[in-house]
Amino acid sequence: MTRPIGRRVAVVALALLLTGCGIPADPAPRALDPAQAPFSRDAPVADPVGPGRVPLFFVRDGKAVLTIRPVLQSTPAPELLSLLLAGPTPSELAAGITSAIPTTLTVKGIEVQEGIGVVTLNGPANQLSQPLTFAQIVATLTSPGRLAGVRFRVGGEDLGVPRGDGSLSTEPLDRSDYAELLATASPGPSPSASAAPA
């Protein structure tokens, strides 16, 4: 007879312990107060990278803005650059997203040397004078988890690239060189952009 009583005592003790742990029990789901949350909804979020979606920077309201594009698999730097040069999708265009990259611009190749991407461009250098053009390319290729910096070449020569402040540089560039041209708020995934092969 003592064994069942002992079990009942243990069950009651456990119930008291759980109800006294300070976790309230709500009878129905309720909305959380953002002010009581342990994180801020407006805190910066790292760019999504990897299988399923990739970050591309296009233009809206004169700024380079992050656009998340769905893909079929993980996308290396050359394919990522090809997606960027192909321009916005119809749904992105309808949302007011454009590109400052000339449609005549083509890429001869991209080599990665110790984390730095060396992008060889085709076409006359005089069509490559807009800082926003390079802000799109550099910000896309230096997304978290990708390249540490990007350099450019044309016709076998290092290209002096305009930074956000208008000064020219042949050194590797990253997002900090275009801070004034990057939008502070980023849109979510393109709602109707179809997955592109990587």
N, C-alpha and C. Protein backbone atom coordinates (compact mmCIF):
# COMPACT_ATOMS: atom_id res chain seq x y z
N MET A 1 0.82 -1.21 0.00
CA MET A 1 0.00 0.00 0.00
C MET A 1 0.85 1.26 0.00
N THR A 2 2.05 1.16 0.55
CA THR A 2 2.88 2.36 0.64
C THR A 2 3.41 2.79 -0.72
N ARG A 3 3.58 1.83 -1.67
CA ARG A 3 4.18 2.17 -2.96
C ARG A 3 3.28 3.09 -3.78
N PRO A 4 1.91 2.79 -3.93
CA PRO A 4 1.04 3.71 -4.67
C PRO A 4 0.98 5.09 -4.05
N ILE A 5 0.96 5.16 -2.71
CA ILE A 5 0.92 6.47 -2.05
C ILE A 5 2.18 7.26 -2.37
N GLY A 6 3.32 6.58 -2.38
CA GLY A 6 4.57 7.25 -2.71
C GLY A 6 4.56 7.82 -4.12
N ARG A 7 3.94 7.06 -5.02
CA ARG A 7 3.87 7.54 -6.42
C ARG A 7 2.98 8.78 -6.50
N ARG A 8 1.85 8.75 -5.77
CA ARG A 8 0.96 9.91 -5.80
C ARG A 8 1.65 11.15 -5.25
N VAL A 9 2.39 10.97 -4.19
CA VAL A 9 3.13 12.08 -3.60
C VAL A 9 4.13 12.65 -4.59
N ALA A 10 4.82 11.76 -5.31
CA ALA A 10 5.81 12.22 -6.29
C ALA A 10 5.15 12.99 -7.42
N VAL A 11 3.97 12.52 -7.88
CA VAL A 11 3.26 13.20 -8.96
C VAL A 11 2.82 14.59 -8.51
N VAL A 12 2.27 14.67 -7.29
CA VAL A 12 1.82 15.97 -6.77
C VAL A 12 3.00 16.92 -6.62
N ALA A 13 4.12 16.41 -6.14
CA ALA A 13 5.31 17.25 -5.96
C ALA A 13 5.81 17.78 -7.29
N LEU A 14 5.80 16.92 -8.31
CA LEU A 14 6.25 17.33 -9.63
C LEU A 14 5.32 18.40 -10.21
N ALA A 15 4.00 18.24 -10.01
CA ALA A 15 3.04 19.22 -10.52
C ALA A 15 3.26 20.57 -9.85
N LEU A 16 3.49 20.55 -8.53
CA LEU A 16 3.74 21.81 -7.81
C LEU A 16 5.02 22.48 -8.29
N LEU A 17 6.03 21.66 -8.56
CA LEU A 17 7.32 22.20 -9.03
C LEU A 17 7.15 22.89 -10.39
N LEU A 18 6.40 22.26 -11.30
CA LEU A 18 6.21 22.81 -12.64
C LEU A 18 5.37 24.07 -12.62
N THR A 19 4.33 24.08 -11.80
CA THR A 19 3.47 25.27 -11.75
C THR A 19 4.16 26.42 -11.05
N GLY A 20 5.17 26.14 -10.25
CA GLY A 20 5.86 27.21 -9.53
C GLY A 20 7.10 27.71 -10.23
N CYS A 21 7.33 27.30 -11.49
CA CYS A 21 8.59 27.68 -12.14
C CYS A 21 8.52 29.05 -12.79
N GLY A 22 7.36 29.71 -12.73
CA GLY A 22 7.27 31.07 -13.23
C GLY A 22 6.85 31.17 -14.68
N ILE A 23 6.51 30.09 -15.36
CA ILE A 23 6.08 30.14 -16.75
C ILE A 23 4.56 30.19 -16.76
N PRO A 24 3.98 31.34 -17.23
CA PRO A 24 2.51 31.44 -17.19
C PRO A 24 1.87 30.53 -18.22
N ALA A 25 0.69 30.04 -17.92
CA ALA A 25 -0.06 29.21 -18.86
C ALA A 25 -1.24 30.01 -19.37
N ASP A 26 -1.29 30.27 -20.69
CA ASP A 26 -2.37 31.03 -21.30
C ASP A 26 -3.45 30.07 -21.79
N PRO A 27 -4.73 30.44 -21.62
CA PRO A 27 -5.80 29.56 -22.12
C PRO A 27 -5.90 29.55 -23.64
N ALA A 28 -5.34 30.61 -24.31
CA ALA A 28 -5.40 30.71 -25.78
C ALA A 28 -4.16 31.44 -26.27
N PRO A 29 -3.80 31.30 -27.58
CA PRO A 29 -2.65 32.04 -28.11
C PRO A 29 -2.84 33.53 -27.97
N ARG A 30 -1.74 34.24 -27.73
CA ARG A 30 -1.81 35.70 -27.60
C ARG A 30 -0.63 36.33 -28.31
N ALA A 31 -0.78 37.59 -28.72
CA ALA A 31 0.30 38.32 -29.40
C ALA A 31 1.34 38.74 -28.38
N LEU A 32 2.60 38.66 -28.77
CA LEU A 32 3.69 39.07 -27.88
C LEU A 32 3.90 40.57 -27.98
N ASP A 33 4.26 41.18 -26.89
CA ASP A 33 4.59 42.60 -26.87
C ASP A 33 6.02 42.76 -27.38
N PRO A 34 6.25 43.46 -28.52
CA PRO A 34 7.62 43.61 -29.04
C PRO A 34 8.57 44.24 -28.03
N ALA A 35 8.03 45.11 -27.15
CA ALA A 35 8.90 45.76 -26.18
C ALA A 35 9.45 44.78 -25.17
N GLN A 36 8.75 43.64 -24.97
CA GLN A 36 9.21 42.63 -24.02
C GLN A 36 10.06 41.55 -24.67
N ALA A 37 10.24 41.62 -26.00
CA ALA A 37 11.00 40.59 -26.70
C ALA A 37 12.49 40.74 -26.43
N PRO A 38 13.24 39.61 -26.41
CA PRO A 38 14.68 39.68 -26.13
C PRO A 38 15.49 40.15 -27.33
N PHE A 39 14.84 40.47 -28.45
CA PHE A 39 15.53 40.96 -29.63
C PHE A 39 14.67 42.02 -30.29
N SER A 40 15.27 42.82 -31.15
CA SER A 40 14.55 43.87 -31.84
C SER A 40 14.11 43.40 -33.21
N ARG A 41 12.86 43.68 -33.59
CA ARG A 41 12.39 43.32 -34.91
C ARG A 41 13.14 44.11 -35.99
N ASP A 42 13.67 45.29 -35.60
CA ASP A 42 14.38 46.15 -36.55
C ASP A 42 15.88 45.88 -36.57
N ALA A 43 16.34 44.88 -35.83
CA ALA A 43 17.78 44.58 -35.82
C ALA A 43 18.22 44.08 -37.18
N PRO A 44 19.46 44.43 -37.61
CA PRO A 44 19.92 43.98 -38.93
C PRO A 44 20.00 42.46 -39.00
N VAL A 45 19.61 41.93 -40.14
CA VAL A 45 19.61 40.48 -40.35
C VAL A 45 20.65 40.15 -41.41
N ALA A 46 21.45 39.13 -41.19
CA ALA A 46 22.46 38.73 -42.16
C ALA A 46 21.78 38.27 -43.45
N ASP A 47 22.43 38.54 -44.57
CA ASP A 47 21.88 38.15 -45.86
C ASP A 47 21.76 36.63 -45.95
N PRO A 48 20.63 36.13 -46.43
CA PRO A 48 20.51 34.69 -46.63
C PRO A 48 21.43 34.22 -47.76
N VAL A 49 22.18 33.20 -47.53
CA VAL A 49 23.10 32.68 -48.54
C VAL A 49 23.01 31.17 -48.53
N GLY A 50 23.05 30.56 -49.69
CA GLY A 50 23.09 29.10 -49.75
C GLY A 50 21.97 28.53 -50.58
N PRO A 51 21.77 27.22 -50.49
CA PRO A 51 20.73 26.57 -51.29
C PRO A 51 19.36 27.18 -51.02
N GLY A 52 18.62 27.43 -52.08
CA GLY A 52 17.26 27.94 -51.93
C GLY A 52 17.08 29.39 -52.30
N ARG A 53 18.02 30.26 -51.93
CA ARG A 53 17.90 31.67 -52.24
C ARG A 53 19.25 32.36 -52.16
N VAL A 54 19.40 33.45 -52.93
CA VAL A 54 20.65 34.19 -52.95
C VAL A 54 20.36 35.69 -52.89
N PRO A 55 21.31 36.49 -52.38
CA PRO A 55 21.13 37.93 -52.33
C PRO A 55 21.66 38.59 -53.61
N LEU A 56 20.84 39.44 -54.21
CA LEU A 56 21.25 40.25 -55.35
C LEU A 56 20.94 41.70 -55.03
N PHE A 57 21.80 42.61 -55.47
CA PHE A 57 21.54 44.03 -55.24
C PHE A 57 21.14 44.70 -56.54
N PHE A 58 19.90 45.22 -56.55
CA PHE A 58 19.41 46.01 -57.66
C PHE A 58 19.21 47.45 -57.18
N VAL A 59 18.43 48.24 -57.89
CA VAL A 59 18.30 49.66 -57.57
C VAL A 59 16.84 50.02 -57.38
N ARG A 60 16.58 50.80 -56.33
CA ARG A 60 15.27 51.39 -56.13
C ARG A 60 15.45 52.72 -55.42
N ASP A 61 14.81 53.75 -55.94
CA ASP A 61 14.89 55.10 -55.37
C ASP A 61 16.33 55.58 -55.25
N GLY A 62 17.15 55.26 -56.26
CA GLY A 62 18.51 55.76 -56.29
C GLY A 62 19.49 55.07 -55.36
N LYS A 63 19.08 53.95 -54.75
CA LYS A 63 19.94 53.20 -53.83
C LYS A 63 20.04 51.74 -54.26
N ALA A 64 21.14 51.12 -53.93
CA ALA A 64 21.29 49.68 -54.15
C ALA A 64 20.53 48.97 -53.04
N VAL A 65 19.57 48.14 -53.43
CA VAL A 65 18.68 47.51 -52.46
C VAL A 65 18.78 45.99 -52.59
N LEU A 66 18.80 45.32 -51.45
CA LEU A 66 18.91 43.87 -51.42
C LEU A 66 17.61 43.23 -51.90
N THR A 67 17.74 42.30 -52.84
CA THR A 67 16.60 41.53 -53.34
C THR A 67 16.95 40.06 -53.21
N ILE A 68 16.10 39.28 -52.57
CA ILE A 68 16.36 37.86 -52.38
C ILE A 68 15.74 37.10 -53.54
N ARG A 69 16.56 36.32 -54.24
CA ARG A 69 16.11 35.59 -55.42
C ARG A 69 16.16 34.09 -55.14
N PRO A 70 15.06 33.36 -55.39
CA PRO A 70 15.11 31.91 -55.22
C PRO A 70 15.91 31.24 -56.32
N VAL A 71 16.67 30.22 -55.96
CA VAL A 71 17.45 29.45 -56.92
C VAL A 71 17.28 27.97 -56.60
N LEU A 72 17.74 27.14 -57.52
CA LEU A 72 17.58 25.70 -57.34
C LEU A 72 18.64 25.10 -56.43
N GLN A 73 19.80 25.74 -56.37
CA GLN A 73 20.88 25.19 -55.55
C GLN A 73 21.86 26.30 -55.21
N SER A 74 22.87 25.98 -54.42
CA SER A 74 23.88 26.95 -54.04
C SER A 74 24.54 27.53 -55.28
N THR A 75 24.75 28.85 -55.29
CA THR A 75 25.19 29.56 -56.49
C THR A 75 26.58 30.15 -56.29
N PRO A 76 27.61 29.66 -57.01
CA PRO A 76 28.94 30.25 -56.89
C PRO A 76 28.99 31.65 -57.51
N ALA A 77 30.10 32.36 -57.26
CA ALA A 77 30.23 33.76 -57.67
C ALA A 77 29.96 34.01 -59.15
N PRO A 78 30.50 33.21 -60.10
CA PRO A 78 30.22 33.51 -61.52
C PRO A 78 28.74 33.45 -61.87
N GLU A 79 28.02 32.44 -61.35
CA GLU A 79 26.59 32.34 -61.63
C GLU A 79 25.80 33.44 -60.92
N LEU A 80 26.26 33.81 -59.72
CA LEU A 80 25.62 34.91 -59.00
C LEU A 80 25.73 36.20 -59.80
N LEU A 81 26.90 36.44 -60.38
CA LEU A 81 27.11 37.63 -61.20
C LEU A 81 26.27 37.58 -62.46
N SER A 82 26.11 36.40 -63.04
CA SER A 82 25.27 36.25 -64.24
C SER A 82 23.82 36.60 -63.93
N LEU A 83 23.32 36.15 -62.78
CA LEU A 83 21.96 36.50 -62.37
C LEU A 83 21.80 38.00 -62.21
N LEU A 84 22.82 38.64 -61.65
CA LEU A 84 22.76 40.09 -61.46
C LEU A 84 22.74 40.82 -62.80
N LEU A 85 23.62 40.42 -63.72
CA LEU A 85 23.70 41.08 -65.02
C LEU A 85 22.44 40.86 -65.85
N ALA A 86 21.72 39.76 -65.60
CA ALA A 86 20.49 39.49 -66.35
C ALA A 86 19.39 40.48 -65.99
N GLY A 87 19.54 41.18 -64.87
CA GLY A 87 18.60 42.22 -64.50
C GLY A 87 17.42 41.73 -63.70
N PRO A 88 16.55 42.66 -63.30
CA PRO A 88 15.38 42.30 -62.50
C PRO A 88 14.38 41.45 -63.28
N THR A 89 13.64 40.64 -62.56
CA THR A 89 12.55 39.86 -63.15
C THR A 89 11.34 40.78 -63.37
N PRO A 90 10.35 40.33 -64.15
CA PRO A 90 9.15 41.16 -64.34
C PRO A 90 8.47 41.56 -63.04
N SER A 91 8.41 40.65 -62.08
CA SER A 91 7.76 40.98 -60.81
C SER A 91 8.58 42.01 -60.03
N GLU A 92 9.90 41.93 -60.13
CA GLU A 92 10.75 42.92 -59.47
C GLU A 92 10.60 44.28 -60.14
N LEU A 93 10.55 44.30 -61.47
CA LEU A 93 10.34 45.56 -62.19
C LEU A 93 9.00 46.19 -61.79
N ALA A 94 7.98 45.36 -61.65
CA ALA A 94 6.67 45.86 -61.25
C ALA A 94 6.70 46.46 -59.85
N ALA A 95 7.64 46.01 -59.03
CA ALA A 95 7.79 46.53 -57.67
C ALA A 95 8.68 47.76 -57.62
N GLY A 96 9.10 48.27 -58.79
CA GLY A 96 9.92 49.48 -58.85
C GLY A 96 11.41 49.24 -58.76
N ILE A 97 11.82 47.98 -58.94
CA ILE A 97 13.25 47.64 -58.86
C ILE A 97 13.85 47.67 -60.27
N THR A 98 14.98 48.36 -60.41
CA THR A 98 15.68 48.47 -61.70
C THR A 98 17.14 48.09 -61.51
N SER A 99 17.96 48.41 -62.51
CA SER A 99 19.39 48.14 -62.42
C SER A 99 20.16 49.28 -63.06
N ALA A 100 21.30 49.63 -62.45
CA ALA A 100 22.18 50.66 -63.00
C ALA A 100 23.28 50.05 -63.86
N ILE A 101 23.28 48.72 -63.99
CA ILE A 101 24.31 48.05 -64.80
C ILE A 101 23.91 48.13 -66.26
N PRO A 102 24.76 48.68 -67.14
CA PRO A 102 24.41 48.78 -68.57
C PRO A 102 24.13 47.41 -69.17
N THR A 103 23.12 47.35 -70.03
CA THR A 103 22.78 46.08 -70.67
C THR A 103 23.88 45.62 -71.62
N THR A 104 24.76 46.56 -72.03
CA THR A 104 25.86 46.20 -72.93
C THR A 104 27.06 45.62 -72.19
N LEU A 105 27.03 45.69 -70.87
CA LEU A 105 28.17 45.20 -70.08
C LEU A 105 28.16 43.68 -70.02
N THR A 106 29.28 43.08 -70.33
CA THR A 106 29.44 41.63 -70.20
C THR A 106 30.70 41.34 -69.41
N VAL A 107 30.73 40.17 -68.84
CA VAL A 107 31.86 39.76 -68.01
C VAL A 107 32.65 38.69 -68.74
N LYS A 108 33.96 38.92 -68.87
CA LYS A 108 34.83 37.95 -69.52
C LYS A 108 35.11 36.78 -68.59
N GLY A 109 35.21 37.07 -67.32
CA GLY A 109 35.49 36.02 -66.34
C GLY A 109 35.67 36.59 -64.96
N ILE A 110 35.66 35.70 -63.97
CA ILE A 110 35.91 36.09 -62.59
C ILE A 110 36.79 35.02 -61.95
N GLU A 111 37.89 35.47 -61.38
CA GLU A 111 38.81 34.57 -60.68
C GLU A 111 38.82 34.94 -59.21
N VAL A 112 38.93 33.95 -58.36
CA VAL A 112 39.00 34.19 -56.92
C VAL A 112 40.40 33.87 -56.44
N GLN A 113 41.05 34.87 -55.87
CA GLN A 113 42.42 34.73 -55.38
C GLN A 113 42.45 35.13 -53.91
N GLU A 114 42.60 34.13 -53.03
CA GLU A 114 42.67 34.36 -51.58
C GLU A 114 41.48 35.18 -51.09
N GLY A 115 40.30 34.81 -51.54
CA GLY A 115 39.09 35.46 -51.08
C GLY A 115 38.71 36.74 -51.81
N ILE A 116 39.56 37.17 -52.74
CA ILE A 116 39.30 38.39 -53.51
C ILE A 116 38.88 38.00 -54.93
N GLY A 117 37.75 38.51 -55.39
CA GLY A 117 37.29 38.23 -56.73
C GLY A 117 37.86 39.25 -57.71
N VAL A 118 38.46 38.76 -58.78
CA VAL A 118 38.98 39.63 -59.84
C VAL A 118 38.05 39.49 -61.03
N VAL A 119 37.25 40.52 -61.29
CA VAL A 119 36.24 40.49 -62.34
C VAL A 119 36.80 41.19 -63.58
N THR A 120 36.89 40.45 -64.68
CA THR A 120 37.34 41.03 -65.95
C THR A 120 36.12 41.35 -66.79
N LEU A 121 35.99 42.63 -67.12
CA LEU A 121 34.82 43.13 -67.83
C LEU A 121 35.12 43.31 -69.31
N ASN A 122 34.10 43.19 -70.14
CA ASN A 122 34.17 43.53 -71.55
C ASN A 122 33.56 44.90 -71.75
N GLY A 123 33.94 45.54 -72.84
CA GLY A 123 33.31 46.81 -73.18
C GLY A 123 34.18 47.99 -72.83
N PRO A 124 33.93 49.13 -73.45
CA PRO A 124 34.73 50.33 -73.19
C PRO A 124 34.59 50.80 -71.75
N ALA A 125 35.69 51.25 -71.18
CA ALA A 125 35.69 51.66 -69.78
C ALA A 125 34.83 52.90 -69.54
N ASN A 126 34.58 53.71 -70.60
CA ASN A 126 33.80 54.93 -70.38
C ASN A 126 32.33 54.66 -70.07
N GLN A 127 31.86 53.42 -70.28
CA GLN A 127 30.49 53.10 -69.91
C GLN A 127 30.38 52.66 -68.45
N LEU A 128 31.51 52.63 -67.77
CA LEU A 128 31.57 52.11 -66.40
C LEU A 128 31.94 53.22 -65.42
N SER A 129 31.21 54.31 -65.46
CA SER A 129 31.56 55.47 -64.64
C SER A 129 30.61 55.72 -63.48
N GLN A 130 29.54 54.91 -63.38
CA GLN A 130 28.55 55.14 -62.33
C GLN A 130 28.89 54.35 -61.06
N PRO A 131 29.07 55.03 -59.92
CA PRO A 131 29.32 54.29 -58.68
C PRO A 131 28.24 53.27 -58.34
N LEU A 132 26.98 53.58 -58.69
CA LEU A 132 25.88 52.68 -58.37
C LEU A 132 26.01 51.35 -59.11
N THR A 133 26.60 51.39 -60.32
CA THR A 133 26.84 50.15 -61.07
C THR A 133 27.73 49.21 -60.26
N PHE A 134 28.81 49.75 -59.74
CA PHE A 134 29.76 48.93 -58.98
C PHE A 134 29.24 48.61 -57.59
N ALA A 135 28.40 49.49 -57.03
CA ALA A 135 27.79 49.19 -55.74
C ALA A 135 26.96 47.91 -55.84
N GLN A 136 26.21 47.75 -56.93
CA GLN A 136 25.41 46.55 -57.13
C GLN A 136 26.29 45.30 -57.18
N ILE A 137 27.35 45.37 -57.98
CA ILE A 137 28.21 44.21 -58.18
C ILE A 137 28.96 43.86 -56.90
N VAL A 138 29.59 44.86 -56.29
CA VAL A 138 30.41 44.62 -55.10
C VAL A 138 29.54 44.13 -53.94
N ALA A 139 28.41 44.78 -53.72
CA ALA A 139 27.54 44.38 -52.60
C ALA A 139 27.01 42.96 -52.79
N THR A 140 26.71 42.59 -54.03
CA THR A 140 26.22 41.23 -54.30
C THR A 140 27.31 40.20 -54.05
N LEU A 141 28.50 40.44 -54.57
CA LEU A 141 29.58 39.45 -54.47
C LEU A 141 30.22 39.38 -53.09
N THR A 142 30.05 40.43 -52.28
CA THR A 142 30.65 40.42 -50.93
C THR A 142 29.60 40.20 -49.86
N SER A 143 28.47 39.59 -50.23
CA SER A 143 27.48 39.21 -49.22
C SER A 143 28.13 38.29 -48.19
N PRO A 144 27.64 38.28 -46.95
CA PRO A 144 28.24 37.43 -45.92
C PRO A 144 28.39 35.99 -46.38
N GLY A 145 29.57 35.44 -46.15
CA GLY A 145 29.85 34.06 -46.54
C GLY A 145 30.39 33.94 -47.96
N ARG A 146 30.54 35.08 -48.67
CA ARG A 146 31.05 35.01 -50.04
C ARG A 146 32.42 35.68 -50.10
N LEU A 147 32.66 36.57 -51.06
CA LEU A 147 34.00 37.14 -51.24
C LEU A 147 34.29 38.23 -50.21
N ALA A 148 35.59 38.39 -49.91
CA ALA A 148 36.01 39.44 -48.98
C ALA A 148 36.13 40.79 -49.68
N GLY A 149 36.35 40.77 -51.00
CA GLY A 149 36.51 42.00 -51.76
C GLY A 149 36.48 41.70 -53.25
N VAL A 150 36.37 42.77 -54.04
CA VAL A 150 36.28 42.63 -55.50
C VAL A 150 37.17 43.68 -56.17
N ARG A 151 37.95 43.23 -57.16
CA ARG A 151 38.73 44.12 -58.04
C ARG A 151 38.22 43.95 -59.46
N PHE A 152 38.49 44.96 -60.30
CA PHE A 152 38.01 44.92 -61.67
C PHE A 152 39.16 45.15 -62.66
N ARG A 153 39.03 44.49 -63.82
CA ARG A 153 40.02 44.65 -64.89
C ARG A 153 39.27 44.80 -66.22
N VAL A 154 39.86 45.59 -67.12
CA VAL A 154 39.35 45.76 -68.48
C VAL A 154 40.54 45.81 -69.43
N GLY A 155 40.49 45.00 -70.48
CA GLY A 155 41.57 45.00 -71.47
C GLY A 155 42.93 44.66 -70.90
N GLY A 156 42.95 43.79 -69.90
CA GLY A 156 44.22 43.38 -69.30
C GLY A 156 44.78 44.35 -68.29
N GLU A 157 44.09 45.44 -68.02
CA GLU A 157 44.57 46.46 -67.08
C GLU A 157 43.63 46.58 -65.90
N ASP A 158 44.20 46.90 -64.72
CA ASP A 158 43.37 47.17 -63.55
C ASP A 158 42.51 48.41 -63.83
N LEU A 159 41.24 48.32 -63.46
CA LEU A 159 40.30 49.41 -63.72
C LEU A 159 40.12 50.25 -62.46
N GLY A 160 40.30 51.54 -62.60
CA GLY A 160 40.01 52.46 -61.50
C GLY A 160 38.50 52.60 -61.35
N VAL A 161 37.99 52.07 -60.27
CA VAL A 161 36.53 51.97 -60.08
C VAL A 161 36.06 53.09 -59.16
N PRO A 162 34.95 53.77 -59.52
CA PRO A 162 34.43 54.81 -58.62
C PRO A 162 33.78 54.20 -57.38
N ARG A 163 34.20 54.68 -56.22
CA ARG A 163 33.57 54.29 -54.97
C ARG A 163 32.34 55.17 -54.72
N GLY A 164 31.70 54.96 -53.60
CA GLY A 164 30.49 55.71 -53.30
C GLY A 164 30.71 57.21 -53.22
N ASP A 165 31.91 57.63 -52.80
CA ASP A 165 32.20 59.06 -52.69
C ASP A 165 32.74 59.65 -53.99
N GLY A 166 32.82 58.82 -55.06
CA GLY A 166 33.28 59.31 -56.36
C GLY A 166 34.76 59.12 -56.60
N SER A 167 35.55 58.82 -55.57
CA SER A 167 36.98 58.62 -55.75
C SER A 167 37.23 57.28 -56.45
N LEU A 168 38.33 57.20 -57.20
CA LEU A 168 38.67 55.99 -57.95
C LEU A 168 39.62 55.11 -57.16
N SER A 169 39.47 53.80 -57.32
CA SER A 169 40.35 52.86 -56.63
C SER A 169 40.55 51.62 -57.49
N THR A 170 41.80 51.12 -57.49
CA THR A 170 42.10 49.84 -58.13
C THR A 170 42.26 48.74 -57.08
N GLU A 171 42.06 49.09 -55.80
CA GLU A 171 42.19 48.13 -54.71
C GLU A 171 40.90 47.31 -54.56
N PRO A 172 40.99 46.17 -53.86
CA PRO A 172 39.76 45.41 -53.62
C PRO A 172 38.73 46.24 -52.86
N LEU A 173 37.49 46.14 -53.30
CA LEU A 173 36.40 46.91 -52.72
C LEU A 173 35.41 45.99 -52.02
N ASP A 174 34.75 46.53 -50.99
CA ASP A 174 33.68 45.78 -50.32
C ASP A 174 32.53 46.74 -50.05
N ARG A 175 31.55 46.28 -49.29
CA ARG A 175 30.35 47.08 -49.07
C ARG A 175 30.63 48.41 -48.40
N SER A 176 31.65 48.47 -47.55
CA SER A 176 31.94 49.71 -46.84
C SER A 176 32.31 50.83 -47.81
N ASP A 177 32.80 50.50 -49.00
CA ASP A 177 33.14 51.51 -50.00
C ASP A 177 31.90 52.14 -50.63
N TYR A 178 30.73 51.53 -50.40
CA TYR A 178 29.49 52.03 -51.01
C TYR A 178 28.40 52.22 -49.96
N ALA A 179 28.80 52.48 -48.73
CA ALA A 179 27.84 52.57 -47.62
C ALA A 179 26.75 53.60 -47.90
N GLU A 180 27.13 54.74 -48.51
CA GLU A 180 26.14 55.79 -48.76
C GLU A 180 25.17 55.47 -49.88
N LEU A 181 25.47 54.41 -50.65
CA LEU A 181 24.61 54.03 -51.77
C LEU A 181 23.75 52.80 -51.48
N LEU A 182 23.92 52.21 -50.31
CA LEU A 182 23.17 51.01 -49.96
C LEU A 182 21.93 51.39 -49.16
N ALA A 183 20.78 50.87 -49.56
CA ALA A 183 19.54 51.14 -48.84
C ALA A 183 19.62 50.53 -47.45
N THR A 184 19.07 51.24 -46.47
CA THR A 184 19.14 50.74 -45.09
C THR A 184 18.11 49.66 -44.84
N ALA A 185 17.02 49.66 -45.59
CA ALA A 185 15.98 48.64 -45.43
C ALA A 185 16.00 47.73 -46.64
N SER A 186 15.85 46.46 -46.42
CA SER A 186 15.89 45.47 -47.49
C SER A 186 14.54 44.80 -47.66
N PRO A 187 14.09 44.64 -48.91
CA PRO A 187 12.83 43.94 -49.12
C PRO A 187 12.96 42.46 -48.89
N GLY A 188 11.84 41.79 -48.77
CA GLY A 188 11.84 40.33 -48.59
C GLY A 188 12.04 39.63 -49.90
N PRO A 189 11.83 38.31 -49.92
CA PRO A 189 12.00 37.54 -51.13
C PRO A 189 11.09 38.01 -52.24
N SER A 190 11.56 37.94 -53.47
CA SER A 190 10.73 38.27 -54.61
C SER A 190 9.54 37.32 -54.63
N PRO A 191 8.31 37.83 -54.57
CA PRO A 191 7.16 36.95 -54.38
C PRO A 191 6.92 35.99 -55.53
N SER A 192 7.16 36.44 -56.77
CA SER A 192 6.82 35.57 -57.88
C SER A 192 8.00 35.30 -58.81
N ALA A 193 9.22 35.55 -58.31
CA ALA A 193 10.40 35.27 -59.12
C ALA A 193 10.59 33.77 -59.19
N SER A 194 10.71 33.24 -60.38
CA SER A 194 10.87 31.79 -60.52
C SER A 194 12.29 31.39 -60.23
N ALA A 195 12.48 30.18 -59.72
CA ALA A 195 13.80 29.69 -59.39
C ALA A 195 14.61 29.55 -60.66
N ALA A 196 15.85 30.04 -60.59
CA ALA A 196 16.73 29.98 -61.76
C ALA A 196 17.78 28.93 -61.53
N PRO A 197 18.22 28.22 -62.57
CA PRO A 197 19.25 27.23 -62.40
C PRO A 197 20.57 27.88 -62.03
N ALA A 198 21.33 27.24 -61.15
CA ALA A 198 22.60 27.79 -60.73
C ALA A 198 23.72 27.25 -61.56
